[in-house]
């Protein structure tokens, strides 16, 4: 027989569940907030103790109500946060299994796609997907098999708030790590984001690609043109001449992209001679030298300098043309320490770099 204490706890649980089952939307909203505030950070055993070993009875109700109401936006953030209490509970792996068994994963991914839902709804869904991904390789594969990479990448591209974009980036990075079966899918998904018109989205995609490139090892040809376009379209001298109202704070995200693009290009050309030659045909030297002259952003100068150095030391034709374009004095200063050239560069030298006309394919075709 149950002890009197156990009977009291079971009675309290039944009352709680009855209040939920019979409650209006307002009542359920209050119950959700109370549950989140009282139980956030609790372990699985602590939740079971709180619910007289019947915590799953409430979790089942949560997931059922979410599936019925998420499309109309009823208390979606609160429902997801409450489910998150269960999924993030230490020693609560059973809750993860229960959520997956009733289709919770597909619901979270669907939330990312719905235009009518608020950004905070999507942020909470992304956090739950991160918890699932962190549970191990098979769960990352399950997310990817459910078209998760596409949904998350589209959410990143379409979101207006940086917080949502950053949560999506974290999830994409998680899906790429320790998930060899789907690494290339994530990699291609990030490349697809590079032409996006949002500077923040481009910046996050490049940052993740930079990390992922060392893991993936191979270089996919489709990355070349988007990366070069970022160098090509973020020439600060165009911004400042064509848009006099532009200020540094507005341009900084673009400069961060420029620096990140230069670094990723550096990784690519070290890993693939074929990619390096293709980039040369697309005037990468010309664009790297323009980035080197960007006095408004030191990291653009530094990353472009290091990437160009590798090309100079690898291809004699690059060394010849860079020396001619820079002039002997600037070239010697550059090769003395490419990484620190930006610390010594003056305005005249910057103008020389920005105004370069290097076009190696054209020069190569000129007969000797």
Protein backbone atom coordinates (compact mmCIF):
# COMPACT_ATOMS: atom_id res chain seq x y z
CA UNK A 1 0.00 0.00 0.00
CA UNK A 2 1.09 3.54 -0.68
CA UNK A 3 2.11 5.58 2.32
CA UNK A 4 0.11 8.61 3.30
CA UNK A 5 2.87 10.85 1.94
CA UNK A 6 2.79 9.07 -1.43
CA UNK A 7 -0.98 9.34 -1.50
CA UNK A 8 -0.75 13.08 -0.93
CA UNK A 9 1.80 13.44 -3.73
CA UNK A 10 -0.30 11.38 -6.14
CA UNK A 11 -3.38 13.38 -5.24
CA UNK A 12 -1.49 16.60 -5.87
CA UNK A 13 -0.35 15.29 -9.27
CA UNK A 14 -3.90 14.32 -10.22
CA UNK A 15 -5.14 17.78 -9.23
CA UNK A 16 -2.40 19.40 -11.29
CA UNK A 17 -3.19 17.31 -14.36
CA UNK A 18 -6.93 17.95 -13.93
CA UNK A 19 -6.30 21.69 -13.78
CA UNK A 20 -4.36 21.39 -17.04
CA UNK A 21 -6.93 19.19 -18.76
CA UNK A 22 -9.86 21.43 -17.87
CA UNK A 23 -8.00 24.72 -18.06
CA UNK A 24 -8.64 27.56 -20.49
CA UNK A 25 -5.85 29.02 -22.58
CA UNK A 26 -5.21 31.60 -19.82
CA UNK A 27 -5.03 28.90 -17.14
CA UNK A 28 -2.63 26.80 -19.17
CA UNK A 29 -0.47 29.85 -19.84
CA UNK A 30 -0.18 30.41 -16.10
CA UNK A 31 0.53 26.73 -15.43
CA UNK A 32 3.29 26.76 -18.02
CA UNK A 33 4.98 29.83 -16.57
CA UNK A 34 4.76 28.43 -13.03
CA UNK A 35 6.22 25.12 -14.18
CA UNK A 36 9.11 26.79 -16.02
CA UNK A 37 9.98 29.09 -13.12
CA UNK A 38 9.83 26.31 -10.52
CA UNK A 39 11.57 23.54 -12.43
CA UNK A 40 14.16 25.06 -14.77
CA UNK A 41 17.52 23.38 -14.17
CA UNK A 42 16.13 20.38 -12.30
CA UNK A 43 17.44 16.88 -12.99
CA UNK A 44 15.33 13.98 -14.21
CA UNK A 45 15.06 12.41 -10.73
CA UNK A 46 14.10 15.78 -9.26
CA UNK A 47 11.31 16.19 -11.81
CA UNK A 48 10.05 12.70 -11.04
CA UNK A 49 10.03 13.54 -7.35
CA UNK A 50 8.14 16.75 -8.09
CA UNK A 51 5.52 14.80 -10.07
CA UNK A 52 5.23 11.69 -7.88
CA UNK A 53 7.05 9.61 -10.54
CA UNK A 54 4.56 10.79 -13.14
CA UNK A 55 6.41 13.61 -14.91
CA UNK A 56 5.89 11.90 -18.27
CA UNK A 57 2.13 12.36 -17.85
CA UNK A 58 2.61 16.13 -18.04
CA UNK A 59 5.21 15.92 -20.81
CA UNK A 60 2.75 13.90 -22.92
CA UNK A 61 0.12 16.60 -22.46
CA UNK A 62 2.63 19.30 -23.41
CA UNK A 63 3.65 17.65 -26.66
CA UNK A 64 0.04 16.87 -27.57
CA UNK A 65 -1.10 20.47 -27.03
CA UNK A 66 1.88 21.81 -28.95
CA UNK A 67 1.05 19.66 -31.98
CA UNK A 68 -2.54 20.92 -31.88
CA UNK A 69 -1.79 24.61 -31.46
CA UNK A 70 1.66 25.54 -32.81
CA UNK A 71 0.36 26.55 -36.24
CA UNK A 72 -1.85 29.25 -34.69
CA UNK A 73 0.82 30.43 -32.26
CA UNK A 74 -0.88 29.59 -28.95
CA UNK A 75 1.64 29.91 -26.12
CA UNK A 76 4.28 28.39 -28.40
CA UNK A 77 7.29 29.91 -26.66
CA UNK A 78 6.06 28.83 -23.22
CA UNK A 79 5.26 25.30 -24.45
CA UNK A 80 8.72 24.94 -25.99
CA UNK A 81 10.41 26.29 -22.87
CA UNK A 82 8.48 23.82 -20.73
CA UNK A 83 9.49 20.93 -22.99
CA UNK A 84 13.01 22.28 -22.75
CA UNK A 85 12.91 21.80 -18.97
CA UNK A 86 12.46 18.08 -19.61
CA UNK A 87 14.91 17.74 -22.49
CA UNK A 88 17.71 19.60 -20.71
CA UNK A 89 17.29 17.70 -17.43
CA UNK A 90 20.37 15.74 -16.40
CA UNK A 91 19.64 11.99 -16.28
CA UNK A 92 16.45 12.65 -18.21
CA UNK A 93 17.24 10.88 -21.49
CA UNK A 94 13.90 9.06 -21.33
CA UNK A 95 12.14 12.40 -21.86
CA UNK A 96 14.06 12.92 -25.11
CA UNK A 97 12.96 9.50 -26.35
CA UNK A 98 9.35 10.23 -25.41
CA UNK A 99 9.36 13.54 -27.28
CA UNK A 100 10.87 11.96 -30.39
CA UNK A 101 8.40 9.06 -30.34
CA UNK A 102 5.42 11.41 -30.60
CA UNK A 103 6.91 13.42 -33.49
CA UNK A 104 8.39 16.27 -31.49
CA UNK A 105 11.40 16.60 -33.81
CA UNK A 106 9.25 17.18 -36.88
CA UNK A 107 7.16 19.70 -34.97
CA UNK A 108 10.24 21.70 -33.95
CA UNK A 109 11.52 21.70 -37.54
CA UNK A 110 8.10 22.73 -38.85
CA UNK A 111 8.05 25.70 -36.46
CA UNK A 112 11.19 27.02 -38.14
CA UNK A 113 9.36 27.16 -41.50
CA UNK A 114 6.15 28.92 -40.50
CA UNK A 115 6.15 32.58 -41.50
CA UNK A 116 3.27 33.44 -39.17
CA UNK A 117 5.20 32.44 -36.01
CA UNK A 118 7.26 34.94 -34.05
CA UNK A 119 11.05 34.90 -33.93
CA UNK A 120 11.08 33.98 -30.24
CA UNK A 121 9.11 30.82 -31.10
CA UNK A 122 11.80 29.85 -33.58
CA UNK A 123 14.59 30.63 -31.13
CA UNK A 124 13.11 28.21 -28.61
CA UNK A 125 12.64 25.52 -31.29
CA UNK A 126 16.29 25.94 -32.31
CA UNK A 127 17.40 25.54 -28.69
CA UNK A 128 15.47 22.26 -28.41
CA UNK A 129 17.02 21.02 -31.64
CA UNK A 130 20.44 21.88 -30.22
CA UNK A 131 19.69 19.75 -27.15
CA UNK A 132 18.67 16.87 -29.41
CA UNK A 133 21.82 17.26 -31.55
CA UNK A 134 23.99 17.30 -28.44
CA UNK A 135 22.55 13.93 -27.41
CA UNK A 136 24.80 12.13 -29.88
CA UNK A 137 25.60 11.26 -33.49
CA UNK A 138 22.46 9.21 -34.14
CA UNK A 139 20.31 12.17 -33.13
CA UNK A 140 22.24 14.51 -35.43
CA UNK A 141 21.65 12.02 -38.23
CA UNK A 142 17.96 11.89 -37.36
CA UNK A 143 17.69 15.68 -37.64
CA UNK A 144 19.48 15.65 -41.00
CA UNK A 145 17.33 12.77 -42.29
CA UNK A 146 14.28 14.90 -41.46
CA UNK A 147 15.46 17.69 -43.80
CA UNK A 148 16.79 19.56 -40.79
CA UNK A 149 19.75 21.17 -42.55
CA UNK A 150 17.50 22.76 -45.15
CA UNK A 151 14.99 23.99 -42.57
CA UNK A 152 17.66 25.45 -40.29
CA UNK A 153 19.54 27.10 -43.18
CA UNK A 154 16.31 28.65 -44.49
CA UNK A 155 15.48 29.87 -40.99
CA UNK A 156 18.91 31.49 -40.77
CA UNK A 157 18.46 33.15 -44.16
CA UNK A 158 14.93 34.42 -43.53
CA UNK A 159 15.16 35.54 -39.90
CA UNK A 160 15.37 39.24 -39.11
CA UNK A 161 16.72 39.02 -35.56
CA UNK A 162 20.39 38.32 -34.90
CA UNK A 163 19.51 36.13 -31.92
CA UNK A 164 17.55 33.75 -34.15
CA UNK A 165 20.30 33.76 -36.76
CA UNK A 166 22.94 32.98 -34.14
CA UNK A 167 20.93 30.08 -32.69
CA UNK A 168 20.57 28.65 -36.21
CA UNK A 169 24.32 28.99 -36.79
CA UNK A 170 25.08 27.13 -33.55
CA UNK A 171 22.78 24.29 -34.63
CA UNK A 172 24.35 24.01 -38.10
CA UNK A 173 27.80 23.83 -36.54
CA UNK A 174 26.61 21.11 -34.15
CA UNK A 175 25.13 19.12 -37.04
CA UNK A 176 28.47 19.22 -38.85
CA UNK A 177 30.62 18.09 -35.92
CA UNK A 178 30.96 14.37 -35.28
CA UNK A 179 28.46 13.64 -38.04
CA UNK A 180 30.50 12.40 -41.03
CA UNK A 181 27.49 11.07 -42.92
CA UNK A 182 26.00 14.56 -43.23
CA UNK A 183 29.00 16.91 -42.96
CA UNK A 184 29.00 17.61 -46.67
CA UNK A 185 25.27 18.38 -46.62
CA UNK A 186 25.81 21.03 -43.93
CA UNK A 187 28.82 22.36 -45.84
CA UNK A 188 26.78 22.81 -49.02
CA UNK A 189 23.94 24.36 -47.03
CA UNK A 190 26.32 27.01 -45.69
CA UNK A 191 27.68 27.73 -49.17
CA UNK A 192 24.11 28.27 -50.36
CA UNK A 193 23.80 31.05 -47.77
CA UNK A 194 26.77 33.06 -49.09
CA UNK A 195 24.80 34.94 -51.79
CA UNK A 196 22.25 36.03 -49.15
CA UNK A 197 21.66 39.79 -49.07
CA UNK A 198 21.92 39.98 -45.27
CA UNK A 199 25.47 40.89 -44.12
CA UNK A 200 24.89 39.14 -40.80
CA UNK A 201 23.79 35.90 -42.46
CA UNK A 202 26.81 35.98 -44.75
CA UNK A 203 29.09 36.65 -41.80
CA UNK A 204 27.72 33.72 -39.78
CA UNK A 205 27.88 31.39 -42.80
CA UNK A 206 31.50 32.29 -43.50
CA UNK A 207 32.51 31.91 -39.87
CA UNK A 208 30.98 28.43 -39.75
CA UNK A 209 32.52 27.47 -43.10
CA UNK A 210 35.91 28.55 -41.81
CA UNK A 211 35.56 26.13 -38.90
CA UNK A 212 34.02 23.37 -41.00
CA UNK A 213 36.56 23.54 -43.84
CA UNK A 214 39.27 22.03 -41.63
CA UNK A 215 36.91 19.14 -40.79
CA UNK A 216 35.47 18.44 -44.23
CA UNK A 217 38.95 18.48 -45.84
CA UNK A 218 37.65 18.44 -49.42
CA UNK A 219 36.94 21.69 -51.25
CA UNK A 220 33.67 21.87 -53.12
CA UNK A 221 34.00 23.93 -56.32
CA UNK A 222 30.71 25.76 -55.72
CA UNK A 223 32.29 27.70 -52.84
CA UNK A 224 34.69 29.64 -55.08
CA UNK A 225 32.41 32.13 -56.82
CA UNK A 226 30.35 33.13 -53.73
CA UNK A 227 33.48 33.75 -51.67
CA UNK A 228 35.10 35.82 -54.37
CA UNK A 229 31.89 37.80 -54.81
CA UNK A 230 32.09 38.81 -51.15
CA UNK A 231 35.58 40.22 -51.68
CA UNK A 232 34.46 41.83 -54.91
CA UNK A 233 31.34 43.56 -53.57
CA UNK A 234 32.72 44.84 -50.28
CA UNK A 235 35.37 47.15 -51.67
CA UNK A 236 35.36 49.94 -49.16
CA UNK A 237 36.47 52.57 -51.62
CA UNK A 238 33.24 52.01 -53.59
CA UNK A 239 31.16 52.32 -50.42
CA UNK A 240 32.79 55.55 -49.39
CA UNK A 241 32.78 57.17 -52.82
CA UNK A 242 29.33 56.07 -53.95
CA UNK A 243 27.64 56.33 -50.56
CA UNK A 244 28.91 59.40 -48.69
CA UNK A 245 26.45 58.82 -45.85
CA UNK A 246 27.93 55.42 -44.98
CA UNK A 247 29.70 55.39 -41.63
CA UNK A 248 32.10 52.90 -40.06
CA UNK A 249 29.57 51.34 -37.71
CA UNK A 250 27.31 50.53 -40.67
CA UNK A 251 30.18 49.09 -42.71
CA UNK A 252 31.76 47.00 -39.95
CA UNK A 253 29.67 43.84 -40.58
CA UNK A 254 30.74 44.02 -44.23
CA UNK A 255 34.38 44.36 -43.25
CA UNK A 256 34.08 41.34 -40.95
CA UNK A 257 32.74 39.37 -43.92
CA UNK A 258 35.64 40.57 -46.04
CA UNK A 259 38.20 39.41 -43.47
CA UNK A 260 36.48 36.06 -43.00
CA UNK A 261 36.22 35.51 -46.76
CA UNK A 262 39.94 36.23 -47.16
CA UNK A 263 40.76 33.71 -44.44
CA UNK A 264 38.55 30.97 -45.92
CA UNK A 265 40.11 31.57 -49.35
CA UNK A 266 43.50 31.13 -47.69
CA UNK A 267 42.42 27.75 -46.30
CA UNK A 268 41.07 26.67 -49.67
CA UNK A 269 44.15 27.49 -51.72
CA UNK A 270 46.39 25.65 -49.25
CA UNK A 271 44.25 22.53 -49.56
CA UNK A 272 43.65 22.50 -53.32
CA UNK A 273 45.96 23.62 -56.12
CA UNK A 274 43.06 23.35 -58.56
CA UNK A 275 40.95 25.75 -56.51
CA UNK A 276 43.92 28.13 -56.24
CA UNK A 277 44.33 28.17 -60.02
CA UNK A 278 40.60 28.72 -60.53
CA UNK A 279 40.68 31.65 -58.11
CA UNK A 280 43.64 33.15 -59.97
CA UNK A 281 41.59 33.06 -63.18
CA UNK A 282 38.85 34.94 -61.30
CA UNK A 283 41.27 37.75 -60.28
CA UNK A 284 41.55 36.80 -56.63
CA UNK A 285 44.92 38.60 -56.40
CA UNK A 286 43.34 41.86 -57.51
CA UNK A 287 40.60 41.57 -54.88
CA UNK A 288 42.95 40.48 -52.07
CA UNK A 289 45.14 43.51 -52.67
CA UNK A 290 42.11 45.78 -52.44
CA UNK A 291 41.23 44.19 -49.08
CA UNK A 292 44.86 44.70 -47.98
CA UNK A 293 44.38 48.42 -48.56
CA UNK A 294 41.27 48.66 -46.36
CA UNK A 295 42.60 51.01 -43.68
CA UNK A 296 39.22 50.91 -41.94
CA UNK A 297 39.56 47.25 -40.89
CA UNK A 298 42.86 45.79 -39.74
CA UNK A 299 41.72 42.17 -39.82
CA UNK A 300 40.75 42.48 -43.50
CA UNK A 301 44.26 43.72 -44.22
CA UNK A 302 45.91 40.98 -42.16
CA UNK A 303 43.90 38.04 -43.53
CA UNK A 304 44.22 39.23 -47.13
CA UNK A 305 47.98 39.72 -46.67
CA UNK A 306 48.48 36.18 -45.35
CA UNK A 307 46.38 34.64 -48.12
CA UNK A 308 48.19 36.61 -50.81
CA UNK A 309 51.55 35.58 -49.36
CA UNK A 310 50.74 31.91 -49.98
CA UNK A 311 49.88 32.67 -53.61
CA UNK A 312 53.04 34.73 -54.05
CA UNK A 313 55.25 31.93 -52.72
CA UNK A 314 53.40 29.24 -54.69
CA UNK A 315 53.01 30.81 -58.13
CA UNK A 316 55.93 32.69 -59.75
CA UNK A 317 53.51 34.57 -62.02
CA UNK A 318 51.75 35.95 -58.93
CA UNK A 319 55.05 36.99 -57.35
CA UNK A 320 56.02 38.80 -60.56
CA UNK A 321 52.76 40.70 -60.91
CA UNK A 322 52.41 41.59 -57.23
CA UNK A 323 55.96 42.94 -57.15
CA UNK A 324 55.29 45.07 -60.22
CA UNK A 325 51.93 46.36 -58.89
CA UNK A 326 53.25 47.20 -55.42
CA UNK A 327 56.59 48.63 -56.43
CA UNK A 328 59.89 47.40 -55.04
CA UNK A 329 59.80 49.30 -51.74
CA UNK A 330 56.30 48.27 -50.70
CA UNK A 331 56.84 44.71 -51.94
CA UNK A 332 59.99 44.26 -49.85
CA UNK A 333 58.22 45.70 -46.81
CA UNK A 334 55.35 43.30 -47.42
CA UNK A 335 57.44 40.18 -47.83
CA UNK A 336 59.52 41.05 -44.77
CA UNK A 337 56.47 40.38 -42.59
CA UNK A 338 53.12 40.01 -44.41
CA UNK A 339 51.17 39.59 -41.18
CA UNK A 340 52.19 42.97 -39.80
CA UNK A 341 52.24 45.06 -42.97
CA UNK A 342 48.96 46.73 -41.97
CA UNK A 343 50.69 48.24 -38.92
CA UNK A 344 53.17 50.14 -41.11
CA UNK A 345 51.00 51.03 -44.09
CA UNK A 346 50.42 54.69 -44.95
CA UNK A 347 47.69 56.27 -47.07
CA UNK A 348 49.79 56.35 -50.25
CA UNK A 349 50.59 52.64 -49.97
CA UNK A 350 46.92 51.90 -49.32
CA UNK A 351 45.99 53.77 -52.49
CA UNK A 352 48.52 51.72 -54.46
CA UNK A 353 46.93 48.48 -53.25
CA UNK A 354 43.35 49.63 -53.77
CA UNK A 355 44.12 50.95 -57.25
CA UNK A 356 45.84 47.81 -58.50
CA UNK A 357 44.84 46.53 -61.95
CA UNK A 358 46.27 43.01 -61.71
CA UNK A 359 44.71 40.54 -64.12
CA UNK A 360 47.02 37.54 -64.24
CA UNK A 361 45.16 35.55 -66.92
CA UNK A 362 45.47 38.48 -69.30
CA UNK A 363 49.16 38.96 -68.56
CA UNK A 364 49.84 35.24 -68.90
CA UNK A 365 48.41 35.27 -72.40
CA UNK A 366 50.83 37.95 -73.58
CA UNK A 367 53.63 36.21 -75.56
CA UNK A 368 57.18 36.82 -74.40
